Amino acid sequence: MTDEEIAALVKAAGLEDTAARYPADVRAALAQLARHKGQLPRSSDPTLEPTPAYVAPRP
């Protein structure tokens, strides 16, 4: 995961302060998420998804 991707995820999640205080922990959590991403369940019903998987939330 690139620094730009990490920064975008941190911003989208509203974790700027946390990432500034605990950058190693945030990187570790994102790395773990990337490893398990394929095992996370996805609904086949698009109405149950709050945001399409391909669109990052905008602040």
N, C-alpha and C. Protein backbone atom coordinates (compact mmCIF):
# COMPACT_ATOMS: atom_id res chain seq x y z
N MET A 1 0.85 -1.16 0.00
CA MET A 1 0.00 0.00 0.00
C MET A 1 0.90 1.24 0.00
N THR A 2 0.60 2.16 -0.89
CA THR A 2 1.43 3.36 -1.01
C THR A 2 1.05 4.38 0.06
N ASP A 3 1.93 5.35 0.25
CA ASP A 3 1.66 6.41 1.23
C ASP A 3 0.42 7.21 0.84
N GLU A 4 0.22 7.41 -0.47
CA GLU A 4 -0.96 8.16 -0.93
C GLU A 4 -2.24 7.40 -0.61
N GLU A 5 -2.22 6.08 -0.79
CA GLU A 5 -3.40 5.27 -0.48
C GLU A 5 -3.70 5.29 1.02
N ILE A 6 -2.65 5.19 1.82
CA ILE A 6 -2.82 5.23 3.27
C ILE A 6 -3.39 6.58 3.69
N ALA A 7 -2.85 7.65 3.14
CA ALA A 7 -3.34 8.99 3.49
C ALA A 7 -4.81 9.15 3.10
N ALA A 8 -5.21 8.63 1.95
CA ALA A 8 -6.60 8.73 1.51
C ALA A 8 -7.52 7.93 2.43
N LEU A 9 -7.10 6.75 2.83
CA LEU A 9 -7.91 5.93 3.74
C LEU A 9 -8.02 6.58 5.11
N VAL A 10 -6.92 7.12 5.60
CA VAL A 10 -6.93 7.80 6.91
C VAL A 10 -7.87 8.99 6.88
N LYS A 11 -7.81 9.75 5.81
CA LYS A 11 -8.67 10.93 5.69
C LYS A 11 -10.14 10.52 5.56
N ALA A 12 -10.41 9.50 4.75
CA ALA A 12 -11.79 9.04 4.56
C ALA A 12 -12.39 8.51 5.86
N ALA A 13 -11.55 7.91 6.69
CA ALA A 13 -12.02 7.36 7.96
C ALA A 13 -12.03 8.40 9.08
N GLY A 14 -11.48 9.58 8.82
CA GLY A 14 -11.44 10.61 9.85
C GLY A 14 -10.43 10.32 10.94
N LEU A 15 -9.35 9.65 10.59
CA LEU A 15 -8.35 9.23 11.59
C LEU A 15 -7.06 10.04 11.51
N GLU A 16 -7.13 11.28 11.09
CA GLU A 16 -5.92 12.08 10.95
C GLU A 16 -5.17 12.23 12.27
N ASP A 17 -5.89 12.54 13.35
CA ASP A 17 -5.24 12.71 14.66
C ASP A 17 -4.63 11.41 15.15
N THR A 18 -5.36 10.33 14.98
CA THR A 18 -4.86 9.02 15.41
C THR A 18 -3.63 8.63 14.61
N ALA A 19 -3.66 8.85 13.30
CA ALA A 19 -2.53 8.51 12.45
C ALA A 19 -1.30 9.36 12.79
N ALA A 20 -1.55 10.59 13.19
CA ALA A 20 -0.43 11.46 13.58
C ALA A 20 0.21 11.00 14.89
N ARG A 21 -0.62 10.51 15.81
CA ARG A 21 -0.11 10.08 17.12
C ARG A 21 0.45 8.66 17.09
N TYR A 22 -0.18 7.79 16.29
CA TYR A 22 0.20 6.38 16.26
C TYR A 22 0.37 5.87 14.83
N PRO A 23 1.31 6.41 14.08
CA PRO A 23 1.42 6.04 12.66
C PRO A 23 1.73 4.56 12.44
N ALA A 24 2.54 3.96 13.28
CA ALA A 24 2.88 2.54 13.10
C ALA A 24 1.65 1.66 13.33
N ASP A 25 0.83 2.01 14.30
CA ASP A 25 -0.38 1.23 14.58
C ASP A 25 -1.38 1.33 13.43
N VAL A 26 -1.53 2.53 12.88
CA VAL A 26 -2.46 2.71 11.77
C VAL A 26 -1.97 1.93 10.55
N ARG A 27 -0.67 1.99 10.26
CA ARG A 27 -0.11 1.22 9.14
C ARG A 27 -0.31 -0.28 9.36
N ALA A 28 -0.11 -0.75 10.58
CA ALA A 28 -0.28 -2.18 10.88
C ALA A 28 -1.74 -2.60 10.68
N ALA A 29 -2.66 -1.75 11.12
CA ALA A 29 -4.08 -2.06 10.97
C ALA A 29 -4.48 -2.11 9.50
N LEU A 30 -3.98 -1.17 8.70
CA LEU A 30 -4.29 -1.17 7.28
C LEU A 30 -3.65 -2.36 6.56
N ALA A 31 -2.46 -2.75 6.98
CA ALA A 31 -1.82 -3.92 6.38
C ALA A 31 -2.62 -5.18 6.70
N GLN A 32 -3.11 -5.28 7.92
CA GLN A 32 -3.93 -6.43 8.30
C GLN A 32 -5.23 -6.45 7.51
N LEU A 33 -5.85 -5.30 7.34
CA LEU A 33 -7.06 -5.22 6.55
C LEU A 33 -6.80 -5.66 5.11
N ALA A 34 -5.69 -5.23 4.53
CA ALA A 34 -5.36 -5.61 3.16
C ALA A 34 -5.20 -7.13 3.04
N ARG A 35 -4.60 -7.76 4.06
CA ARG A 35 -4.42 -9.22 4.03
C ARG A 35 -5.75 -9.96 4.10
N HIS A 36 -6.71 -9.42 4.83
CA HIS A 36 -7.99 -10.11 5.05
C HIS A 36 -9.12 -9.60 4.17
N LYS A 37 -8.82 -8.66 3.30
CA LYS A 37 -9.83 -8.01 2.47
C LYS A 37 -10.66 -9.03 1.67
N GLY A 38 -10.03 -10.04 1.13
CA GLY A 38 -10.73 -11.02 0.32
C GLY A 38 -11.68 -11.89 1.10
N GLN A 39 -11.50 -11.97 2.40
CA GLN A 39 -12.35 -12.82 3.24
C GLN A 39 -13.54 -12.07 3.83
N LEU A 40 -13.57 -10.75 3.65
CA LEU A 40 -14.69 -9.97 4.19
C LEU A 40 -15.93 -10.21 3.34
N PRO A 41 -17.07 -10.45 3.96
CA PRO A 41 -18.28 -10.73 3.18
C PRO A 41 -18.78 -9.47 2.47
N ARG A 42 -19.30 -9.69 1.28
CA ARG A 42 -19.91 -8.61 0.51
C ARG A 42 -21.33 -9.05 0.17
N SER A 43 -22.25 -8.14 0.27
CA SER A 43 -23.63 -8.44 -0.08
C SER A 43 -23.78 -8.41 -1.60
N SER A 44 -24.62 -9.28 -2.11
CA SER A 44 -24.91 -9.25 -3.54
C SER A 44 -26.06 -8.28 -3.85
N ASP A 45 -26.69 -7.76 -2.81
CA ASP A 45 -27.78 -6.81 -2.97
C ASP A 45 -27.24 -5.38 -2.83
N PRO A 46 -27.17 -4.62 -3.93
CA PRO A 46 -26.57 -3.28 -3.87
C PRO A 46 -27.31 -2.31 -2.94
N THR A 47 -28.57 -2.55 -2.66
CA THR A 47 -29.30 -1.64 -1.77
C THR A 47 -28.84 -1.77 -0.32
N LEU A 48 -28.18 -2.88 0.01
CA LEU A 48 -27.68 -3.07 1.37
C LEU A 48 -26.32 -2.42 1.58
N GLU A 49 -25.64 -2.05 0.51
CA GLU A 49 -24.33 -1.42 0.61
C GLU A 49 -24.51 0.09 0.78
N PRO A 50 -23.97 0.68 1.85
CA PRO A 50 -24.15 2.12 2.06
C PRO A 50 -23.41 2.96 1.01
N THR A 51 -22.28 2.47 0.54
CA THR A 51 -21.49 3.16 -0.47
C THR A 51 -20.97 2.10 -1.43
N PRO A 52 -21.06 2.32 -2.73
CA PRO A 52 -20.50 1.33 -3.65
C PRO A 52 -19.02 1.07 -3.34
N ALA A 53 -18.58 -0.14 -3.52
CA ALA A 53 -17.22 -0.55 -3.14
C ALA A 53 -16.15 0.23 -3.89
N TYR A 54 -16.45 0.76 -5.04
CA TYR A 54 -15.46 1.45 -5.85
C TYR A 54 -15.41 2.95 -5.61
N VAL A 55 -16.23 3.48 -4.72
CA VAL A 55 -16.30 4.92 -4.49
C VAL A 55 -15.87 5.22 -3.05
N ALA A 56 -14.84 6.05 -2.91
CA ALA A 56 -14.43 6.48 -1.57
C ALA A 56 -15.36 7.59 -1.10
N PRO A 57 -15.73 7.59 0.17
CA PRO A 57 -16.59 8.65 0.67
C PRO A 57 -15.92 10.01 0.58
N ARG A 58 -16.69 11.01 0.29
CA ARG A 58 -16.18 12.39 0.20
C ARG A 58 -16.53 13.14 1.48
N PRO A 59 -15.56 13.90 2.01
CA PRO A 59 -15.85 14.67 3.25
C PRO A 59 -16.81 15.81 3.00
